[in-house]
PDB file of N, CA and C in Angstrom:
ATOM      1  N   MET A   1      86.312  83.873 114.989  1.00  0.00           N
ATOM      2  CA  MET A   1      85.244  83.905 113.508  1.00  0.00           C
ATOM      3  C   MET A   1      84.064  84.826 113.281  1.00  0.00           C
ATOM      4  N   GLN A   2      84.158  85.445 114.568  1.00  0.00           N
ATOM      5  CA  GLN A   2      83.071  86.678 114.876  1.00  0.00           C
ATOM      6  C   GLN A   2      83.191  87.409 113.636  1.00  0.00           C
ATOM      7  N   HIS A   3      84.573  88.495 112.852  1.00  0.00           N
ATOM      8  CA  HIS A   3      84.498  89.146 112.301  1.00  0.00           C
ATOM      9  C   HIS A   3      84.339  88.825 110.778  1.00  0.00           C
ATOM     10  N   LEU A   4      84.100  87.406 110.535  1.00  0.00           N
ATOM     11  CA  LEU A   4      83.845  87.019 109.098  1.00  0.00           C
ATOM     12  C   LEU A   4      82.019  87.025 108.770  1.00  0.00           C
ATOM     13  N   SER A   5      81.583  86.607 110.249  1.00  0.00           N
ATOM     14  CA  SER A   5      80.251  86.609 110.270  1.00  0.00           C
ATOM     15  C   SER A   5      79.668  87.575 110.140  1.00  0.00           C
ATOM     16  N   LEU A   6      80.311  88.975 110.689  1.00  0.00           N
ATOM     17  CA  LEU A   6      80.226  90.096 111.144  1.00  0.00           C
ATOM     18  C   LEU A   6      80.613  90.700 109.169  1.00  0.00           C
ATOM     19  N   LEU A   7      81.350  89.770 108.468  1.00  0.00           N
ATOM     20  CA  LEU A   7      81.783  90.760 106.973  1.00  0.00           C
ATOM     21  C   LEU A   7      80.546  90.115 106.065  1.00  0.00           C
ATOM     22  N   GLY A   8      80.220  88.754 106.828  1.00  0.00           N
ATOM     23  CA  GLY A   8      79.053  88.144 105.736  1.00  0.00           C
ATOM     24  C   GLY A   8      77.847  89.017 105.696  1.00  0.00           C
ATOM     25  N   ARG A   9      77.420  89.233 107.036  1.00  0.00           N
ATOM     26  CA  ARG A   9      76.167  89.987 107.031  1.00  0.00           C
ATOM     27  C   ARG A   9      76.040  91.311 106.436  1.00  0.00           C
ATOM     28  N   LEU A  10      77.255  92.098 106.437  1.00  0.00           N
ATOM     29  CA  LEU A  10      77.689  93.368 105.651  1.00  0.00           C
ATOM     30  C   LEU A  10      77.241  92.596 103.985  1.00  0.00           C
ATOM     31  N   LEU A  11      77.779  91.594 103.837  1.00  0.00           N
ATOM     32  CA  LEU A  11      77.570  91.386 102.450  1.00  0.00           C
ATOM     33  C   LEU A  11      76.476  91.260 101.930  1.00  0.00           C
ATOM     34  N   LEU A  12      75.370  90.698 102.777  1.00  0.00           N
ATOM     35  CA  LEU A  12      74.046  90.295 102.849  1.00  0.00           C
ATOM     36  C   LEU A  12      73.491  91.621 102.334  1.00  0.00           C
ATOM     37  N   ILE A  13      74.009  92.432 103.384  1.00  0.00           N
ATOM     38  CA  ILE A  13      72.614  93.942 103.267  1.00  0.00           C
ATOM     39  C   ILE A  13      73.713  94.483 101.962  1.00  0.00           C
ATOM     40  N   GLU A  14      74.093  94.479 101.908  1.00  0.00           N
ATOM     41  CA  GLU A  14      75.049  94.971 100.137  1.00  0.00           C
ATOM     42  C   GLU A  14      74.281  94.361  99.013  1.00  0.00           C
ATOM     43  N   ARG A  15      74.697  93.347  99.024  1.00  0.00           N
ATOM     44  CA  ARG A  15      73.776  92.298  97.922  1.00  0.00           C
ATOM     45  C   ARG A  15      72.444  92.608  98.141  1.00  0.00           C
ATOM     46  N   ALA A  16      71.781  92.690  98.437  1.00  0.00           N
ATOM     47  CA  ALA A  16      70.277  93.095  99.377  1.00  0.00           C
ATOM     48  C   ALA A  16      70.108  94.572  98.610  1.00  0.00           C
ATOM     49  N   ASP A  17      71.028  95.313  99.029  1.00  0.00           N
ATOM     50  CA  ASP A  17      70.941  97.040  98.339  1.00  0.00           C
ATOM     51  C   ASP A  17      70.819  97.805  99.799  1.00  0.00           C
ATOM     52  N   GLY A  18      70.425  97.055 100.879  1.00  0.00           N
ATOM     53  CA  GLY A  18      69.811  98.197 102.000  1.00  0.00           C
ATOM     54  C   GLY A  18      69.148  96.908 102.884  1.00  0.00           C
ATOM     55  N   PRO A  19      68.780  97.207 103.772  1.00  0.00           N
ATOM     56  CA  PRO A  19      68.251  96.595 105.102  1.00  0.00           C
ATOM     57  C   PRO A  19      67.787  95.105 104.644  1.00  0.00           C
ATOM     58  N   THR A  20      67.917  94.095 105.160  1.00  0.00           N
ATOM     59  CA  THR A  20      67.412  92.283 104.889  1.00  0.00           C
ATOM     60  C   THR A  20      67.708  91.796 106.107  1.00  0.00           C
ATOM     61  N   ASP A  21      67.222  90.735 106.137  1.00  0.00           N
ATOM     62  CA  ASP A  21      67.642  89.755 106.987  1.00  0.00           C
ATOM     63  C   ASP A  21      69.176  89.123 107.369  1.00  0.00           C
ATOM     64  N   VAL A  22      69.381  88.924 108.404  1.00  0.00           N
ATOM     65  CA  VAL A  22      71.096  88.399 108.148  1.00  0.00           C
ATOM     66  C   VAL A  22      71.201  87.574 109.658  1.00  0.00           C
ATOM     67  N   ARG A  23      70.288  86.937 109.866  1.00  0.00           N
ATOM     68  CA  ARG A  23      70.344  86.137 111.030  1.00  0.00           C
ATOM     69  C   ARG A  23      71.355  85.111 110.276  1.00  0.00           C
ATOM     70  N   ASP A  24      71.751  84.098 110.891  1.00  0.00           N
ATOM     71  CA  ASP A  24      72.889  83.051 111.115  1.00  0.00           C
ATOM     72  C   ASP A  24      71.899  81.885 109.953  1.00  0.00           C
ATOM     73  N   LYS A  25      70.865  81.888 110.213  1.00  0.00           N
ATOM     74  CA  LYS A  25      69.986  80.875 109.146  1.00  0.00           C
ATOM     75  C   LYS A  25      70.646  81.736 107.550  1.00  0.00           C
ATOM     76  N   VAL A  26      70.564  82.869 107.517  1.00  0.00           N
ATOM     77  CA  VAL A  26      70.200  83.646 106.437  1.00  0.00           C
ATOM     78  C   VAL A  26      71.661  83.389 106.047  1.00  0.00           C
ATOM     79  N   LEU A  27      72.830  83.687 106.820  1.00  0.00           N
ATOM     80  CA  LEU A  27      74.229  83.590 105.993  1.00  0.00           C
ATOM     81  C   LEU A  27      74.565  82.228 106.113  1.00  0.00           C
ATOM     82  N   GLY A  28      73.821  81.802 106.852  1.00  0.00           N
ATOM     83  CA  GLY A  28      74.458  79.778 106.143  1.00  0.00           C
ATOM     84  C   GLY A  28      73.913  79.332 105.073  1.00  0.00           C
ATOM     85  N   ASP A  29      72.919  79.960 104.820  1.00  0.00           N
ATOM     86  CA  ASP A  29      72.162  79.462 103.502  1.00  0.00           C
ATOM     87  C   ASP A  29      72.986  80.446 102.548  1.00  0.00           C
ATOM     88  N   TRP A  30      73.591  81.253 102.315  1.00  0.00           N
ATOM     89  CA  TRP A  30      74.101  82.281 101.415  1.00  0.00           C
ATOM     90  C   TRP A  30      75.443  81.263 101.005  1.00  0.00           C
ATOM     91  N   ILE A  31      76.113  81.387 102.251  1.00  0.00           N
ATOM     92  CA  ILE A  31      77.582  80.537 101.790  1.00  0.00           C
ATOM     93  C   ILE A  31      77.353  79.327 101.683  1.00  0.00           C
ATOM     94  N   ASP A  32      76.063  78.588 101.951  1.00  0.00           N
ATOM     95  CA  ASP A  32      76.190  77.057 101.203  1.00  0.00           C
ATOM     96  C   ASP A  32      75.684  77.372 100.066  1.00  0.00           C
ATOM     97  N   GLU A  33      74.829  78.699  99.356  1.00  0.00           N
ATOM     98  CA  GLU A  33      74.638  78.461  98.065  1.00  0.00           C
ATOM     99  C   GLU A  33      76.091  78.833  97.154  1.00  0.00           C
ATOM    100  N   THR A  34      76.897  79.630  97.791  1.00  0.00           N
ATOM    101  CA  THR A  34      77.854  80.239  97.209  1.00  0.00           C
ATOM    102  C   THR A  34      79.512  79.170  97.065  1.00  0.00           C
ATOM    103  N   GLN A  35      79.185  78.301  97.920  1.00  0.00           N
ATOM    104  CA  GLN A  35      80.264  77.913  97.494  1.00  0.00           C
ATOM    105  C   GLN A  35      80.582  77.080  96.157  1.00  0.00           C
ATOM    106  N   VAL A  36      82.356  77.155  96.202  1.00  0.00           N
ATOM    107  CA  VAL A  36      82.372  76.906  95.052  1.00  0.00           C
ATOM    108  C   VAL A  36      83.769  75.971  95.374  1.00  0.00           C
ATOM    109  N   PRO A  37      84.119  74.721  94.269  1.00  0.00           N
ATOM    110  CA  PRO A  37      85.054  73.740  94.929  1.00  0.00           C
ATOM    111  C   PRO A  37      86.851  74.203  95.043  1.00  0.00           C
ATOM    112  N   ASP A  38      87.252  75.335  94.349  1.00  0.00           N
ATOM    113  CA  ASP A  38      88.920  75.823  94.718  1.00  0.00           C
ATOM    114  C   ASP A  38      87.835  77.134  95.726  1.00  0.00           C
ATOM    115  N   GLY A  39      87.313  77.026  96.396  1.00  0.00           N
ATOM    116  CA  GLY A  39      86.868  78.539  96.906  1.00  0.00           C
ATOM    117  C   GLY A  39      88.096  79.183  98.025  1.00  0.00           C
ATOM    118  N   ILE A  40      88.966  77.810  99.143  1.00  0.00           N
ATOM    119  CA  ILE A  40      89.966  78.732  99.793  1.00  0.00           C
ATOM    120  C   ILE A  40      91.282  79.139  98.886  1.00  0.00           C
ATOM    121  N   GLY A  41      91.487  80.042  98.975  1.00  0.00           N
ATOM    122  CA  GLY A  41      92.305  80.931  97.663  1.00  0.00           C
ATOM    123  C   GLY A  41      92.188  81.740  96.579  1.00  0.00           C
ATOM    124  N   ASN A  42      90.899  81.086  96.427  1.00  0.00           N
ATOM    125  CA  ASN A  42      90.496  81.671  95.237  1.00  0.00           C
ATOM    126  C   ASN A  42      89.848  83.292  95.742  1.00  0.00           C
ATOM    127  N   LEU A  43      90.481  84.014  95.163  1.00  0.00           N
ATOM    128  CA  LEU A  43      89.835  85.738  95.031  1.00  0.00           C
ATOM    129  C   LEU A  43      89.268  86.473  94.079  1.00  0.00           C
ATOM    130  N   SER A  44      88.641  85.489  93.461  1.00  0.00           N
ATOM    131  CA  SER A  44      87.846  85.870  92.583  1.00  0.00           C
ATOM    132  C   SER A  44      86.822  86.856  93.041  1.00  0.00           C
ATOM    133  N   PHE A  45      86.342  86.685  94.022  1.00  0.00           N
ATOM    134  CA  PHE A  45      85.464  87.465  95.259  1.00  0.00           C
ATOM    135  C   PHE A  45      85.045  88.619  95.117  1.00  0.00           C
ATOM    136  N   GLU A  46      86.454  88.901  95.144  1.00  0.00           N
ATOM    137  CA  GLU A  46      86.857  90.298  95.237  1.00  0.00           C
ATOM    138  C   GLU A  46      86.871  91.344  94.518  1.00  0.00           C
ATOM    139  N   SER A  47      86.489  91.030  93.087  1.00  0.00           N
ATOM    140  CA  SER A  47      86.027  91.940  91.889  1.00  0.00           C
ATOM    141  C   SER A  47      84.421  92.008  91.583  1.00  0.00           C
ATOM    142  N   ASP A  48      84.120  91.032  92.408  1.00  0.00           N
ATOM    143  CA  ASP A  48      82.502  91.134  92.163  1.00  0.00           C
ATOM    144  C   ASP A  48      81.866  92.675  92.980  1.00  0.00           C
ATOM    145  N   PRO A  49      80.795  93.139  91.981  1.00  0.00           N
ATOM    146  CA  PRO A  49      80.211  94.389  92.783  1.00  0.00           C
ATOM    147  C   PRO A  49      79.636  94.841  93.953  1.00  0.00           C
ATOM    148  N   ILE A  50      79.606  93.700  94.761  1.00  0.00           N
ATOM    149  CA  ILE A  50      78.805  94.008  95.747  1.00  0.00           C
ATOM    150  C   ILE A  50      80.530  93.724  96.501  1.00  0.00           C
ATOM    151  N   ALA A  51      81.365  93.039  96.379  1.00  0.00           N
ATOM    152  CA  ALA A  51      82.611  93.216  97.329  1.00  0.00           C
ATOM    153  C   ALA A  51      82.829  94.041  97.028  1.00  0.00           C
ATOM    154  N   VAL A  52      83.307  94.959  95.758  1.00  0.00           N
ATOM    155  CA  VAL A  52      83.969  96.009  96.033  1.00  0.00           C
ATOM    156  C   VAL A  52      83.246  97.255  96.344  1.00  0.00           C
ATOM    157  N   SER A  53      81.852  97.823  96.517  1.00  0.00           N
ATOM    158  CA  SER A  53      81.020  98.368  97.204  1.00  0.00           C
ATOM    159  C   SER A  53      81.526  98.239  98.357  1.00  0.00           C
ATOM    160  N   LEU A  54      81.241  97.360  99.278  1.00  0.00           N
ATOM    161  CA  LEU A  54      81.790  97.380 100.613  1.00  0.00           C
ATOM    162  C   LEU A  54      82.818  97.553 100.651  1.00  0.00           C
ATOM    163  N   VAL A  55      83.719  96.875 100.271  1.00  0.00           N
ATOM    164  CA  VAL A  55      85.064  97.344 100.503  1.00  0.00           C
ATOM    165  C   VAL A  55      85.186  99.351 100.932  1.00  0.00           C
ATOM    166  N   ARG A  56      84.508  99.684  99.076  1.00  0.00           N
ATOM    167  CA  ARG A  56      84.649 101.043  99.405  1.00  0.00           C
ATOM    168  C   ARG A  56      83.830 102.178 100.628  1.00  0.00           C
ATOM    169  N   THR A  57      82.834 101.257 101.310  1.00  0.00           N
ATOM    170  CA  THR A  57      81.975 101.744 102.230  1.00  0.00           C
ATOM    171  C   THR A  57      83.222 101.793 103.066  1.00  0.00           C
ATOM    172  N   LEU A  58      83.794 100.104 103.741  1.00  0.00           N
ATOM    173  CA  LEU A  58      84.171 100.190 104.880  1.00  0.00           C
ATOM    174  C   LEU A  58      85.352 101.012 104.582  1.00  0.00           C
ATOM    175  N   ASN A  59      86.091 101.316 103.707  1.00  0.00           N
ATOM    176  CA  ASN A  59      87.367 102.405 103.288  1.00  0.00           C
ATOM    177  C   ASN A  59      86.985 103.607 103.535  1.00  0.00           C
ATOM    178  N   VAL A  60      85.157 104.015 103.571  1.00  0.00           N
ATOM    179  CA  VAL A  60      85.266 105.460 104.362  1.00  0.00           C
ATOM    180  C   VAL A  60      84.975 105.599 106.010  1.00  0.00           C
ATOM    181  N   CYS A  61      84.500 104.037 106.294  1.00  0.00           N
ATOM    182  CA  CYS A  61      84.119 104.066 107.546  1.00  0.00           C
ATOM    183  C   CYS A  61      85.532 104.023 108.560  1.00  0.00           C
ATOM    184  N   ARG A  62      86.715 103.438 107.749  1.00  0.00           N
ATOM    185  CA  ARG A  62      88.382 103.469 108.680  1.00  0.00           C
ATOM    186  C   ARG A  62      88.566 105.544 108.529  1.00  0.00           C
ATOM    187  N   ASP A  63      88.483 105.754 107.170  1.00  0.00           N
ATOM    188  CA  ASP A  63      88.724 107.195 107.358  1.00  0.00           C
ATOM    189  C   ASP A  63      88.039 108.037 108.094  1.00  0.00           C
ATOM    190  N   ILE A  64      86.882 107.807 108.699  1.00  0.00           N
ATOM    191  CA  ILE A  64      85.593 108.627 109.748  1.00  0.00           C
ATOM    192  C   ILE A  64      86.396 108.501 110.494  1.00  0.00           C
ATOM    193  N   PHE A  65      86.903 107.398 111.081  1.00  0.00           N
ATOM    194  CA  PHE A  65      87.047 106.675 112.727  1.00  0.00           C
ATOM    195  C   PHE A  65      88.708 107.026 112.896  1.00  0.00           C
ATOM    196  N   ARG A  66      89.569 107.044 111.687  1.00  0.00           N
ATOM    197  CA  ARG A  66      90.929 106.845 112.177  1.00  0.00           C
ATOM    198  C   ARG A  66      91.405 107.755 113.100  1.00  0.00           C
ATOM    199  N   ASN A  67      90.994 108.920 112.945  1.00  0.00           N
ATOM    200  CA  ASN A  67      91.309 109.919 114.098  1.00  0.00           C
ATOM    201  C   ASN A  67      90.658 110.552 115.525  1.00  0.00           C
ATOM    202  N   ASP A  68      89.381 109.407 115.058  1.00  0.00           N
ATOM    203  CA  ASP A  68      88.709 109.672 116.264  1.00  0.00           C
ATOM    204  C   ASP A  68      89.357 110.107 117.544  1.00  0.00           C
ATOM    205  N   PRO A  69      88.642 111.354 118.108  1.00  0.00           N
ATOM    206  CA  PRO A  69      88.616 111.285 119.754  1.00  0.00           C
ATOM    207  C   PRO A  69      88.808 110.136 120.788  1.00  0.00           C
ATOM    208  N   THR A  70      87.793 109.302 120.438  1.00  0.00           N
ATOM    209  CA  THR A  70      87.386 108.573 121.553  1.00  0.00           C
ATOM    210  C   THR A  70      88.518 107.655 121.692  1.00  0.00           C
ATOM    211  N   ILE A  71      89.315 107.237 120.570  1.00  0.00           N
ATOM    212  CA  ILE A  71      90.039 106.052 120.283  1.00  0.00           C
ATOM    213  C   ILE A  71      91.003 105.593 121.803  1.00  0.00           C
ATOM    214  N   ASP A  72      90.717 104.557 122.076  1.00  0.00           N
ATOM    215  CA  ASP A  72      91.540 104.360 123.384  1.00  0.00           C
ATOM    216  C   ASP A  72      92.730 103.648 122.717  1.00  0.00           C
ATOM    217  N   GLU A  73      93.688 104.143 123.234  1.00  0.00           N
ATOM    218  CA  GLU A  73      95.224 103.137 122.422  1.00  0.00           C
ATOM    219  C   GLU A  73      95.340 101.564 122.548  1.00  0.00           C
ATOM    220  N   THR A  74      94.875 101.086 123.983  1.00  0.00           N
ATOM    221  CA  THR A  74      94.930  99.886 124.169  1.00  0.00           C
ATOM    222  C   THR A  74      93.325  99.294 123.647  1.00  0.00           C
ATOM    223  N   ASN A  75      91.857 100.125 123.726  1.00  0.00           N
ATOM    224  CA  ASN A  75      91.039  99.525 123.449  1.00  0.00           C
ATOM    225  C   ASN A  75      90.424  99.849 122.035  1.00  0.00           C
ATOM    226  N   GLY A  76      91.205 100.778 120.808  1.00  0.00           N
ATOM    227  CA  GLY A  76      90.065 100.991 120.325  1.00  0.00           C
ATOM    228  C   GLY A  76      88.889 102.232 120.674  1.00  0.00           C
ATOM    229  N   VAL A  77      88.337 102.466 119.301  1.00  0.00           N
ATOM    230  CA  VAL A  77      86.789 102.723 119.883  1.00  0.00           C
ATOM    231  C   VAL A  77      85.957 101.863 120.666  1.00  0.00           C
ATOM    232  N   GLN A  78      85.483 102.077 122.060  1.00  0.00           N
ATOM    233  CA  GLN A  78      84.569 100.830 122.300  1.00  0.00           C
ATOM    234  C   GLN A  78      83.243 100.970 121.572  1.00  0.00           C
ATOM    235  N   GLU A  79      82.703 101.986 121.127  1.00  0.00           N
ATOM    236  CA  GLU A  79      81.875 101.822 120.502  1.00  0.00           C
ATOM    237  C   GLU A  79      81.442 100.585 119.074  1.00  0.00           C
ATOM    238  N   LEU A  80      82.562 100.251 118.772  1.00  0.00           N
ATOM    239  CA  LEU A  80      82.884  99.718 117.657  1.00  0.00           C
ATOM    240  C   LEU A  80      83.317  98.436 118.013  1.00  0.00           C
ATOM    241  N   LYS A  81      82.988  97.828 118.790  1.00  0.00           N
ATOM    242  CA  LYS A  81      82.885  96.360 119.640  1.00  0.00           C
ATOM    243  C   LYS A  81      81.593  95.953 119.394  1.00  0.00           C
ATOM    244  N   ILE A  82      80.622  96.392 119.154  1.00  0.00           N
ATOM    245  CA  ILE A  82      79.293  95.940 119.313  1.00  0.00           C
ATOM    246  C   ILE A  82      78.904  95.281 117.995  1.00  0.00           C
ATOM    247  N   GLU A  83      78.618  94.463 117.437  1.00  0.00           N
ATOM    248  CA  GLU A  83      78.325  94.304 116.362  1.00  0.00           C
ATOM    249  C   GLU A  83      76.800  94.825 115.447  1.00  0.00           C
ATOM    250  N   TYR A  84      75.775  94.924 116.208  1.00  0.00           N
ATOM    251  CA  TYR A  84      75.054  95.596 115.542  1.00  0.00           C
ATOM    252  C   TYR A  84      74.902  97.629 115.364  1.00  0.00           C
ATOM    253  N   PHE A  85      76.272  97.810 116.219  1.00  0.00           N
ATOM    254  CA  PHE A  85      76.406  99.100 115.922  1.00  0.00           C
ATOM    255  C   PHE A  85      77.544  99.214 114.856  1.00  0.00           C
ATOM    256  N   ILE A  86      78.273  98.313 114.772  1.00  0.00           N
ATOM    257  CA  ILE A  86      78.849  98.246 113.647  1.00  0.00           C
ATOM    258  C   ILE A  86      77.798  98.255 112.242  1.00  0.00           C
ATOM    259  N   ILE A  87      77.235  97.434 112.362  1.00  0.00           N
ATOM    260  CA  ILE A  87      76.037  96.971 111.117  1.00  0.00           C
ATOM    261  C   ILE A  87      75.255  98.730 110.720  1.00  0.00           C
ATOM    262  N   SER A  88      74.817  99.189 111.892  1.00  0.00           N
ATOM    263  CA  SER A  88      74.041 100.566 111.224  1.00  0.00           C
ATOM    264  C   SER A  88      74.966 101.447 111.191  1.00  0.00           C
ATOM    265  N   VAL A  89      76.339 101.785 111.679  1.00  0.00           N
ATOM    266  CA  VAL A  89      77.122 102.856 111.127  1.00  0.00           C
ATOM    267  C   VAL A  89      77.367 102.271 109.543  1.00  0.00           C
ATOM    268  N   VAL A  90      77.556 101.200 109.140  1.00  0.00           N
ATOM    269  CA  VAL A  90      78.110 100.646 108.077  1.00  0.00           C
ATOM    270  C   VAL A  90      77.124 101.407 107.045  1.00  0.00           C
ATOM    271  N   MET A  91      75.927 101.115 107.297  1.00  0.00           N
ATOM    272  CA  MET A  91      74.219 101.001 106.871  1.00  0.00           C
ATOM    273  C   MET A  91      74.197 102.850 106.446  1.00  0.00           C
ATOM    274  N   LEU A  92      74.666 103.258 107.575  1.00  0.00           N
ATOM    275  CA  LEU A  92      74.258 104.796 107.411  1.00  0.00           C
ATOM    276  C   LEU A  92      75.476 105.339 106.370  1.00  0.00           C
ATOM    277  N   VAL A  93      76.321 104.942 106.410  1.00  0.00           N
ATOM    278  CA  VAL A  93      77.921 105.325 105.671  1.00  0.00           C
ATOM    279  C   VAL A  93      77.019 104.827 104.364  1.00  0.00           C
ATOM    280  N   ARG A  94      76.622 103.398 104.092  1.00  0.00           N
ATOM    281  CA  ARG A  94      76.764 103.161 102.694  1.00  0.00           C
ATOM    282  C   ARG A  94      75.779 103.666 102.267  1.00  0.00           C
ATOM    283  N   HIS A  95      74.494 104.252 103.066  1.00  0.00           N
ATOM    284  CA  HIS A  95      73.139 105.297 102.352  1.00  0.00           C
ATOM    285  C   HIS A  95      73.973 106.579 102.263  1.00  0.00           C
ATOM    286  N   LEU A  96      74.200 107.411 102.972  1.00  0.00           N
ATOM    287  CA  LEU A  96      74.842 108.382 103.010  1.00  0.00           C
ATOM    288  C   LEU A  96      75.930 108.905 101.707  1.00  0.00           C
ATOM    289  N   ARG A  97      77.042 107.424 101.160  1.00  0.00           N
ATOM    290  CA  ARG A  97      77.751 107.548 100.461  1.00  0.00           C
ATOM    291  C   ARG A  97      76.619 107.267  98.915  1.00  0.00           C
ATOM    292  N   LYS A  98      75.499 106.676  98.884  1.00  0.00           N
ATOM    293  CA  LYS A  98      75.016 105.975  97.687  1.00  0.00           C
ATOM    294  C   LYS A  98      74.073 107.661  97.183  1.00  0.00           C
ATOM    295  N   TYR A  99      73.672 108.321  98.448  1.00  0.00           N
ATOM    296  CA  TYR A  99      72.699 109.293  98.261  1.00  0.00           C
ATOM    297  C   TYR A  99      72.740 110.722  97.968  1.00  0.00           C
ATOM    298  N   TYR A 100      73.974 111.122  98.694  1.00  0.00           N
ATOM    299  CA  TYR A 100      74.255 112.441  99.069  1.00  0.00           C
ATOM    300  C   TYR A 100      75.352 112.647  98.906  1.00  0.00           C
ATOM    301  N   VAL A 101      76.167 113.808  98.674  1.00  0.00           N
ATOM    302  CA  VAL A 101      77.652 114.286  98.717  1.00  0.00           C
ATOM    303  C   VAL A 101      78.105 113.914 100.233  1.00  0.00           C
ATOM    304  N   PHE A 102      78.801 112.847 100.024  1.00  0.00           N
ATOM    305  CA  PHE A 102      79.348 112.478 101.582  1.00  0.00           C
ATOM    306  C   PHE A 102      81.100 112.475 101.027  1.00  0.00           C
ATOM    307  N   GLY A 103      81.733 113.376 100.926  1.00  0.00           N
ATOM    308  CA  GLY A 103      83.455 113.320 100.803  1.00  0.00           C
ATOM    309  C   GLY A 103      84.300 113.552 102.241  1.00  0.00           C
ATOM    310  N   LYS A 104      85.090 113.921 102.169  1.00  0.00           N
ATOM    311  CA  LYS A 104      86.445 113.746 103.345  1.00  0.00           C
ATOM    312  C   LYS A 104      85.482 115.488 104.189  1.00  0.00           C
ATOM    313  N   ASP A 105      84.702 116.227 103.402  1.00  0.00           N
ATOM    314  CA  ASP A 105      84.973 117.609 104.256  1.00  0.00           C
ATOM    315  C   ASP A 105      83.376 116.946 104.943  1.00  0.00           C
ATOM    316  N   GLN A 106      82.898 116.265 104.836  1.00  0.00           N
ATOM    317  CA  GLN A 106      81.502 115.719 105.306  1.00  0.00           C
ATOM    318  C   GLN A 106      82.026 114.281 106.701  1.00  0.00           C
ATOM    319  N   HIS A 107      83.045 114.219 106.289  1.00  0.00           N
ATOM    320  CA  HIS A 107      83.437 112.921 107.128  1.00  0.00           C
ATOM    321  C   HIS A 107      83.574 113.269 108.821  1.00  0.00           C
ATOM    322  N   GLU A 108      83.940 114.517 109.002  1.00  0.00           N
ATOM    323  CA  GLU A 108      84.151 114.996 110.007  1.00  0.00           C
ATOM    324  C   GLU A 108      83.409 115.365 110.924  1.00  0.00           C
ATOM    325  N   VAL A 109      82.303 116.226 110.132  1.00  0.00           N
ATOM    326  CA  VAL A 109      80.783 116.223 110.744  1.00  0.00           C
ATOM    327  C   VAL A 109      80.551 115.134 111.340  1.00  0.00           C
ATOM    328  N   PHE A 110      80.284 113.954 110.738  1.00  0.00           N
ATOM    329  CA  PHE A 110      80.107 112.709 110.970  1.00  0.00           C
ATOM    330  C   PHE A 110      80.047 112.176 112.035  1.00  0.00           C
TER     331      PHE A 110
END
């Protein structure tokens, strides 16, 4: 369930349009506030602007790290196993996408 917690924290950041409180209590409160009766199997949140923006940012992150020379065939990128590091990288990529020209030419430099 750690991956869902991480995704929830990233959504909180996207919803706040930047740094915000991502503690378990805040995440739990947001989950409670947004519960819907048909929540399981309901994919309507996928079209929410918050979700769309986060998916775009995560796709850029995937493109950046896809061919990273530090990838270990069995363990992936070691640095991307630490939650606070993942959040930091995603926030940085989000900021770069939002305020700068950050296309494929810049991904390799990043």
